[in-house]
Amino acid sequence: SRKKYASNEDEDMTKVEFETSEEVDVTPTFDTMGLREDLLRGIYAYGFEKPSAIQQRAIKQIIKGRDVIAQSQSGTGKTATFCISVLQCLDIQVVRETQALILAPTRELAGQIQKVLLALGDFMNVQCHSCIGGTNVGEDIRKLDYGQHVVAGTPGRVFDMIRRRSLRTRAIKMLVLDEADEMLNKGFKEQIYDVYRYLPPATQVVLISATLPHEILEMTNKFMTDPIRILVKRDELTLEGIKQFFVAVEREEWKFDTLCDLYDTLTITQAVIFCNTKRKVDWLTEKMREANFTVSSMHGDMPQKERDSIMKEFRSGASRVLISTDVWARGLDVPQVSLIINYDLPNNRELYIHRYPFAPMCHGRFQDSLYRSLSSSGTSHPHGNMTAVALGNTVLKLEELF
């Protein structure tokens, strides 16, 4: 029988409490983790010096072969945590078959995971392919036929390649779900289950995310066996280290002028402006360009080639301001970003944290960043205690989120 998939449907999970497992210990250095020499070379060449808190706790448990639920705030090294673990567990010399499968909620994040994994595995001759929708199917088939040790991708395209028998699953020993909260939400849950059905029964499952709401943790009971839990309590998920300001705008239609005022007075390297809908992204992009602001924009309805081109320009610094939906918010690393503007406040706390730009973290070193949220007074927003600060117009500093 396959682990706990589709079993224990009637089990009462309402009283389950999730805390860090007692057997989790701290390994303070990469050298004491028992990692292979060629991987250690890649880690240090990448710029890492000391493992982050999540790396100190999770890597050892993953390479032991345990199912792991790991929660850590964005930018604390989650991607490197599972990339290092995957690379340690690969059998590179004997076989060039897919041994690890990494699923991510967006094409951009899957592509970034591939880049990080190849960089860390630079001295290992590892093969890793990014298998994502919106790209040429024939190219996917050709790359998979050549042989890939690791596949990072989005659930839809990965499942398509499995059904076509281009992605062979017989040698897979680890499944990683990055941004597990988003992956296991309604939109992705069935796709993950479709992929999971094709994996060998003993496949190790690793879930890593910045936020793991209780109902998502309950759901993991279906396909994880006695998982090690490495969790940050909900109250500990904060936006410490970032300057946050809340700009009170009485009417929705006044937001645009307020944004222009902010834009004119700020000295920034690069900025991301978040909107809640694709339509709003298109509307705001057009309005900004009409006002002679140079901006680029990106959302999920755009063709993949266009999204790739926009991200390439933004990463290189060729474009300075990117207007986007939350497709951009999931773990993408652009070190130059120093400003996030929430044109629309997100609908929940978890999404707000994901917008928090620990993207400006470069190899573990945080840069200071600034948040601004625009909200009309008629819009409900989940802020708690606020302190008024005189900054020329009504600006409220967020002392505590929610």
Protein backbone atom coordinates (compact mmCIF):
# COMPACT_ATOMS: atom_id res chain seq x y z
CA SER A 1 0.00 0.00 0.00
CA ARG A 2 1.21 3.50 -0.78
CA LYS A 3 2.10 5.15 2.49
CA LYS A 4 -0.95 6.97 3.82
CA TYR A 5 -2.31 8.30 0.55
CA ALA A 6 -6.12 8.49 0.55
CA SER A 7 -6.27 6.69 3.87
CA ASN A 8 -7.39 7.66 7.36
CA GLU A 9 -10.13 9.79 5.82
CA ASP A 10 -12.15 9.71 9.02
CA GLU A 11 -9.26 10.22 11.41
CA ASP A 12 -9.82 13.19 13.70
CA MET A 13 -6.96 15.57 12.97
CA THR A 14 -8.50 18.60 14.64
CA LYS A 15 -6.50 18.12 17.83
CA VAL A 16 -3.14 17.54 16.17
CA GLU A 17 -0.51 20.08 17.19
CA PHE A 18 2.53 20.62 15.02
CA GLU A 19 5.78 21.52 16.72
CA THR A 20 9.42 20.91 15.91
CA SER A 21 10.20 17.24 16.50
CA GLU A 22 12.31 16.47 19.56
CA GLU A 23 14.89 14.46 17.60
CA VAL A 24 15.88 17.47 15.47
CA ASP A 25 19.37 18.63 16.38
CA VAL A 26 21.43 21.57 15.17
CA THR A 27 24.43 21.05 12.90
CA PRO A 28 26.32 24.37 13.00
CA THR A 29 28.57 24.01 9.93
CA PHE A 30 28.39 22.51 6.45
CA ASP A 31 31.62 20.61 7.16
CA THR A 32 29.97 18.63 9.98
CA MET A 33 26.93 17.56 7.94
CA GLY A 34 28.72 14.65 6.32
CA LEU A 35 28.36 16.09 2.82
CA ARG A 36 30.35 14.86 -0.18
CA GLU A 37 33.48 16.83 -1.03
CA ASP A 38 32.39 17.93 -4.51
CA LEU A 39 29.13 19.26 -3.05
CA LEU A 40 30.96 21.17 -0.30
CA ARG A 41 33.10 22.80 -3.00
CA GLY A 42 29.94 23.91 -4.77
CA ILE A 43 28.39 25.27 -1.56
CA TYR A 44 31.42 27.41 -0.73
CA ALA A 45 31.90 28.49 -4.36
CA TYR A 46 28.28 29.66 -4.37
CA GLY A 47 29.12 32.03 -1.52
CA PHE A 48 27.72 30.27 1.53
CA GLU A 49 29.86 30.38 4.65
CA LYS A 50 27.61 29.15 7.45
CA PRO A 51 24.27 27.30 7.22
CA SER A 52 21.13 29.24 8.11
CA ALA A 53 18.86 28.09 10.93
CA ILE A 54 16.66 25.98 8.66
CA GLN A 55 19.71 24.46 6.95
CA GLN A 56 21.27 23.57 10.32
CA ARG A 57 18.13 21.62 11.25
CA ALA A 58 16.66 20.23 8.03
CA ILE A 59 19.51 19.07 5.78
CA LYS A 60 20.69 16.29 8.08
CA GLN A 61 17.15 14.96 8.55
CA ILE A 62 16.46 14.96 4.81
CA ILE A 63 19.68 13.16 3.90
CA LYS A 64 18.84 10.53 6.54
CA GLY A 65 15.86 9.68 4.34
CA ARG A 66 13.12 10.94 6.65
CA ASP A 67 9.93 12.55 5.41
CA VAL A 68 10.25 16.19 6.44
CA ILE A 69 7.92 19.15 6.88
CA ALA A 70 10.17 22.21 7.08
CA GLN A 71 8.90 25.72 7.62
CA SER A 72 11.12 28.75 7.45
CA GLN A 73 10.57 32.36 6.50
CA SER A 74 11.25 33.49 2.94
CA GLY A 75 14.88 34.25 2.25
CA THR A 76 16.35 32.12 5.03
CA GLY A 77 17.81 29.58 2.63
CA LYS A 78 14.89 27.21 2.00
CA THR A 79 15.78 26.58 -1.65
CA ALA A 80 19.39 25.76 -0.82
CA THR A 81 18.16 23.49 2.00
CA PHE A 82 16.47 21.03 -0.31
CA CYS A 83 18.91 21.52 -3.21
CA ILE A 84 21.85 20.54 -0.99
CA SER A 85 19.87 17.59 0.38
CA VAL A 86 18.88 16.39 -3.09
CA LEU A 87 22.45 16.67 -4.40
CA GLN A 88 23.82 14.71 -1.44
CA CYS A 89 21.40 11.85 -2.12
CA LEU A 90 22.09 11.49 -5.86
CA ASP A 91 23.95 8.56 -7.36
CA ILE A 92 25.71 10.48 -10.13
CA GLN A 93 28.27 7.94 -11.29
CA VAL A 94 26.18 4.81 -11.71
CA VAL A 95 22.98 5.99 -13.34
CA ARG A 96 21.64 9.01 -15.24
CA GLU A 97 18.00 8.53 -14.39
CA THR A 98 15.71 10.94 -12.59
CA GLN A 99 16.24 10.37 -8.87
CA ALA A 100 14.62 13.51 -7.44
CA LEU A 101 11.54 15.44 -8.48
CA ILE A 102 10.96 19.02 -7.28
CA LEU A 103 7.55 20.63 -7.79
CA ALA A 104 7.00 24.38 -7.57
CA PRO A 105 3.88 26.54 -8.00
CA THR A 106 5.25 28.86 -10.71
CA ARG A 107 7.37 28.46 -13.80
CA GLU A 108 9.76 31.18 -12.68
CA LEU A 109 10.38 29.52 -9.33
CA ALA A 110 10.99 26.13 -10.97
CA GLY A 111 13.53 27.79 -13.26
CA GLN A 112 15.27 29.43 -10.34
CA ILE A 113 15.45 26.13 -8.44
CA GLN A 114 17.14 24.58 -11.47
CA LYS A 115 19.74 27.39 -11.53
CA VAL A 116 20.49 27.07 -7.80
CA LEU A 117 20.79 23.29 -8.02
CA LEU A 118 23.14 23.42 -11.01
CA ALA A 119 25.27 26.09 -9.30
CA LEU A 120 25.57 24.13 -6.04
CA GLY A 121 26.24 20.94 -8.01
CA ASP A 122 28.76 22.61 -10.30
CA PHE A 123 31.56 20.17 -9.37
CA MET A 124 29.32 17.07 -9.50
CA ASN A 125 28.47 16.95 -13.22
CA VAL A 126 24.79 16.88 -12.28
CA GLN A 127 22.04 17.06 -14.90
CA CYS A 128 18.90 19.04 -13.97
CA HIS A 129 16.04 20.04 -16.25
CA SER A 130 13.32 22.63 -15.68
CA CYS A 131 10.07 21.05 -16.87
CA ILE A 132 7.47 23.84 -17.09
CA GLY A 133 4.33 24.74 -18.99
CA GLY A 134 4.40 27.26 -21.82
CA THR A 135 7.63 25.84 -23.27
CA ASN A 136 8.32 23.49 -26.17
CA VAL A 137 7.13 19.95 -25.39
CA GLY A 138 9.56 18.44 -27.88
CA GLU A 139 12.49 20.07 -26.11
CA ASP A 140 11.29 18.63 -22.79
CA ILE A 141 11.09 15.16 -24.32
CA ARG A 142 14.58 15.49 -25.86
CA LYS A 143 16.14 16.65 -22.57
CA LEU A 144 14.41 13.92 -20.55
CA ASP A 145 15.46 11.25 -23.06
CA TYR A 146 19.07 12.42 -22.65
CA GLY A 147 18.79 11.70 -18.93
CA GLN A 148 18.33 14.06 -15.97
CA HIS A 149 19.32 13.36 -12.37
CA VAL A 150 16.84 15.96 -11.12
CA VAL A 151 13.69 17.45 -12.61
CA ALA A 152 12.30 20.73 -11.24
CA GLY A 153 8.95 21.73 -12.65
CA THR A 154 5.34 22.73 -12.39
CA PRO A 155 2.79 19.97 -11.68
CA GLY A 156 0.89 20.13 -14.97
CA ARG A 157 3.86 19.74 -17.32
CA VAL A 158 5.57 17.20 -15.05
CA PHE A 159 2.45 15.02 -15.02
CA ASP A 160 2.17 15.36 -18.81
CA MET A 161 5.75 14.13 -19.22
CA ILE A 162 5.06 11.21 -16.87
CA ARG A 163 1.97 10.21 -18.85
CA ARG A 164 3.95 10.39 -22.09
CA ARG A 165 6.54 8.13 -20.42
CA SER A 166 9.24 10.66 -21.21
CA LEU A 167 9.79 11.25 -17.50
CA ARG A 168 10.49 7.83 -16.04
CA THR A 169 9.78 7.58 -12.33
CA ARG A 170 11.22 4.15 -11.46
CA ALA A 171 14.45 5.57 -9.96
CA ILE A 172 12.87 8.53 -8.13
CA LYS A 173 13.62 8.40 -4.43
CA MET A 174 12.70 11.93 -3.32
CA LEU A 175 9.76 14.26 -4.00
CA VAL A 176 10.15 17.89 -2.89
CA LEU A 177 7.20 20.26 -2.75
CA ASP A 178 8.48 23.82 -2.65
CA GLU A 179 6.09 26.50 -1.38
CA ALA A 180 3.93 23.68 -0.05
CA ASP A 181 1.15 25.95 1.16
CA GLU A 182 0.49 27.12 -2.38
CA MET A 183 1.15 23.71 -3.92
CA LEU A 184 -1.33 21.92 -1.69
CA ASN A 185 -4.06 24.52 -1.94
CA LYS A 186 -7.09 23.63 -3.99
CA GLY A 187 -5.60 24.57 -7.35
CA PHE A 188 -2.59 22.25 -7.14
CA LYS A 189 -3.66 19.48 -4.78
CA GLU A 190 -5.11 17.12 -7.37
CA GLN A 191 -2.18 17.65 -9.73
CA ILE A 192 0.25 16.71 -6.97
CA TYR A 193 -1.76 13.59 -6.20
CA ASP A 194 -1.73 12.70 -9.92
CA VAL A 195 2.08 12.88 -9.95
CA TYR A 196 2.42 11.10 -6.61
CA ARG A 197 0.48 8.04 -7.83
CA TYR A 198 3.24 7.29 -10.33
CA LEU A 199 6.12 7.41 -7.84
CA PRO A 200 7.70 4.34 -6.22
CA PRO A 201 6.06 3.38 -2.89
CA ALA A 202 9.14 4.20 -0.81
CA THR A 203 9.57 7.74 -2.19
CA GLN A 204 10.72 10.21 0.45
CA VAL A 205 8.52 13.33 0.65
CA VAL A 206 9.82 16.76 1.68
CA LEU A 207 7.59 19.81 2.07
CA ILE A 208 9.22 23.20 2.45
CA SER A 209 7.41 26.51 2.75
CA ALA A 210 7.42 29.90 4.44
CA THR A 211 3.90 29.31 5.75
CA LEU A 212 2.13 26.07 6.64
CA PRO A 213 -1.45 26.76 7.74
CA HIS A 214 -2.94 24.12 10.01
CA GLU A 215 -5.29 22.71 7.38
CA ILE A 216 -2.36 22.16 5.01
CA LEU A 217 -0.43 20.28 7.67
CA GLU A 218 -3.47 18.08 8.29
CA MET A 219 -3.54 17.18 4.62
CA THR A 220 0.05 15.91 4.68
CA ASN A 221 -1.21 12.96 6.73
CA LYS A 222 -2.40 11.45 3.46
CA PHE A 223 1.00 11.02 1.85
CA MET A 224 3.74 11.34 4.48
CA THR A 225 4.99 8.68 6.87
CA ASP A 226 5.94 9.75 10.40
CA PRO A 227 7.41 13.05 9.18
CA ILE A 228 10.03 15.03 11.04
CA ARG A 229 8.63 18.50 11.74
CA ILE A 230 10.81 21.57 11.69
CA LEU A 231 8.42 24.44 12.20
CA VAL A 232 8.36 28.13 12.97
CA LYS A 233 5.30 28.95 15.07
CA ARG A 234 2.78 31.22 13.38
CA ASP A 235 3.49 34.04 15.85
CA GLU A 236 7.16 33.86 14.91
CA LEU A 237 6.50 34.56 11.24
CA THR A 238 7.20 38.27 11.28
CA LEU A 239 8.56 40.92 8.98
CA GLU A 240 11.42 41.81 11.29
CA GLY A 241 14.19 43.82 9.72
CA ILE A 242 12.08 45.62 7.14
CA LYS A 243 10.72 49.17 7.25
CA GLN A 244 6.96 49.09 6.70
CA PHE A 245 4.68 52.04 6.10
CA PHE A 246 0.94 52.15 5.58
CA VAL A 247 -0.39 55.02 3.48
CA ALA A 248 -4.06 55.71 4.18
CA VAL A 249 -5.90 56.76 1.01
CA GLU A 250 -9.55 57.70 1.35
CA ARG A 251 -10.70 56.61 -2.11
CA GLU A 252 -9.59 53.85 -4.47
CA GLU A 253 -9.27 56.31 -7.35
CA TRP A 254 -6.75 58.38 -5.35
CA LYS A 255 -4.31 55.48 -5.12
CA PHE A 256 -2.75 56.18 -8.49
CA ASP A 257 -1.84 59.80 -7.71
CA THR A 258 -0.47 58.70 -4.34
CA LEU A 259 1.66 56.06 -6.06
CA CYS A 260 3.03 58.68 -8.46
CA ASP A 261 3.87 60.97 -5.53
CA LEU A 262 5.69 58.12 -3.79
CA TYR A 263 7.51 57.19 -6.96
CA ASP A 264 8.75 60.73 -7.53
CA THR A 265 10.20 61.11 -4.04
CA LEU A 266 11.88 57.74 -3.64
CA THR A 267 15.43 56.87 -4.58
CA ILE A 268 15.43 53.19 -5.36
CA THR A 269 17.48 50.61 -7.17
CA GLN A 270 14.59 48.43 -8.30
CA ALA A 271 10.99 48.04 -7.18
CA VAL A 272 8.11 45.60 -7.47
CA ILE A 273 4.50 46.83 -7.37
CA PHE A 274 1.95 44.15 -6.43
CA CYS A 275 -1.66 44.07 -7.61
CA ASN A 276 -4.20 41.39 -6.72
CA THR A 277 -5.51 40.72 -10.25
CA LYS A 278 -4.14 40.40 -13.77
CA ARG A 279 -6.62 43.03 -14.97
CA LYS A 280 -5.33 45.50 -12.38
CA VAL A 281 -1.72 44.82 -13.47
CA ASP A 282 -2.60 45.63 -17.09
CA TRP A 283 -4.58 48.73 -16.06
CA LEU A 284 -1.87 50.10 -13.77
CA THR A 285 0.87 49.41 -16.32
CA GLU A 286 -1.02 51.41 -18.95
CA LYS A 287 -1.71 54.27 -16.50
CA MET A 288 1.95 54.43 -15.41
CA ARG A 289 3.17 54.52 -19.01
CA GLU A 290 0.65 57.24 -19.86
CA ALA A 291 2.17 59.22 -16.98
CA ASN A 292 5.63 58.75 -18.55
CA PHE A 293 6.88 56.20 -16.02
CA THR A 294 8.99 53.40 -17.47
CA VAL A 295 7.62 50.12 -16.12
CA SER A 296 7.39 46.47 -17.11
CA SER A 297 4.69 44.03 -16.05
CA MET A 298 4.13 40.32 -15.63
CA HIS A 299 1.27 37.97 -14.77
CA GLY A 300 0.22 34.37 -15.31
CA ASP A 301 -1.70 34.92 -18.57
CA MET A 302 1.39 36.04 -20.46
CA PRO A 303 3.18 33.55 -22.77
CA GLN A 304 6.16 31.90 -21.11
CA LYS A 305 8.66 33.41 -23.57
CA GLU A 306 7.42 36.90 -22.72
CA ARG A 307 7.59 36.20 -18.97
CA ASP A 308 11.14 34.88 -19.34
CA SER A 309 12.17 37.95 -21.33
CA ILE A 310 10.65 40.34 -18.75
CA MET A 311 12.35 38.53 -15.85
CA LYS A 312 15.69 38.55 -17.70
CA GLU A 313 15.44 42.31 -18.24
CA PHE A 314 14.45 42.89 -14.61
CA ARG A 315 17.25 40.71 -13.21
CA SER A 316 19.81 42.49 -15.39
CA GLY A 317 18.56 45.89 -14.26
CA ALA A 318 17.45 46.89 -17.75
CA SER A 319 13.98 47.52 -16.33
CA ARG A 320 13.67 49.21 -12.94
CA VAL A 321 10.03 48.77 -11.93
CA LEU A 322 8.00 45.59 -12.31
CA ILE A 323 4.22 45.50 -11.82
CA SER A 324 3.04 41.98 -11.06
CA THR A 325 0.50 39.68 -9.49
CA ASP A 326 1.58 37.27 -6.77
CA VAL A 327 3.08 34.97 -9.42
CA TRP A 328 6.29 36.94 -8.72
CA ALA A 329 6.09 36.69 -4.94
CA ARG A 330 6.96 33.04 -4.48
CA GLY A 331 10.61 32.97 -3.55
CA LEU A 332 12.15 34.68 -6.54
CA ASP A 333 15.61 36.07 -5.84
CA VAL A 334 16.44 39.49 -7.30
CA PRO A 335 19.06 41.02 -4.97
CA GLN A 336 18.69 44.58 -6.31
CA VAL A 337 15.04 44.95 -5.22
CA SER A 338 14.92 47.50 -2.41
CA LEU A 339 11.26 48.52 -2.52
CA ILE A 340 7.97 46.64 -2.53
CA ILE A 341 4.76 48.59 -3.06
CA ASN A 342 1.46 46.85 -2.36
CA TYR A 343 -0.93 48.73 -4.65
CA ASP A 344 -3.50 46.22 -3.45
CA LEU A 345 -3.23 44.60 -0.03
CA PRO A 346 -3.36 40.81 -0.31
CA ASN A 347 -6.33 38.91 1.04
CA ASN A 348 -4.48 36.94 3.72
CA ARG A 349 -1.53 37.06 6.07
CA GLU A 350 0.43 34.27 4.38
CA LEU A 351 0.40 36.01 1.02
CA TYR A 352 1.60 39.25 2.60
CA ILE A 353 4.60 37.42 4.08
CA HIS A 354 5.37 35.89 0.68
CA ARG A 355 5.46 39.37 -0.83
CA TYR A 356 8.02 40.33 1.79
CA PRO A 357 11.23 40.76 -0.14
CA PHE A 358 13.74 38.55 1.47
CA ALA A 359 14.52 38.46 -2.25
CA PRO A 360 17.11 41.15 -1.42
CA MET A 361 19.02 38.52 0.52
CA CYS A 362 22.28 37.71 -1.17
CA HIS A 363 23.90 34.48 0.00
CA GLY A 364 22.55 34.93 3.49
CA ARG A 365 23.24 38.62 3.93
CA PHE A 366 20.10 40.74 4.36
CA GLN A 367 19.76 44.16 2.85
CA ASP A 368 17.34 46.73 4.24
CA SER A 369 14.08 47.02 2.34
CA LEU A 370 11.01 49.17 2.38
CA TYR A 371 7.36 48.27 2.17
CA ARG A 372 4.49 50.56 1.35
CA SER A 373 0.85 49.54 1.19
CA LEU A 374 -1.83 51.69 -0.37
CA SER A 375 -5.35 51.21 0.90
CA SER A 376 -8.54 53.21 0.56
CA SER A 377 -10.43 53.70 3.82
CA GLY A 378 -13.29 51.62 2.48
CA THR A 379 -11.03 48.61 2.06
CA SER A 380 -10.75 46.27 5.01
CA HIS A 381 -7.17 45.42 5.86
CA PRO A 382 -5.76 43.05 8.46
CA HIS A 383 -3.44 45.39 10.34
CA GLY A 384 -3.24 45.52 14.09
CA ASN A 385 -1.57 48.28 16.13
CA MET A 386 -0.38 51.24 14.08
CA THR A 387 1.52 54.37 15.08
CA ALA A 388 1.09 57.62 13.14
CA VAL A 389 4.31 59.04 11.68
CA ALA A 390 4.56 62.49 10.08
CA LEU A 391 6.01 62.03 6.62
CA GLY A 392 4.27 64.79 4.71
CA ASN A 393 0.96 63.03 4.34
CA THR A 394 -0.90 60.53 6.48
CA VAL A 395 1.55 57.69 6.89
CA LEU A 396 1.13 54.97 9.46
CA LYS A 397 4.01 52.78 10.49
CA LEU A 398 3.03 49.16 10.94
CA GLU A 399 4.30 48.25 14.40
CA GLU A 400 2.84 44.79 14.10
CA LEU A 401 1.33 43.00 11.13
CA PHE A 402 -2.19 41.71 11.71
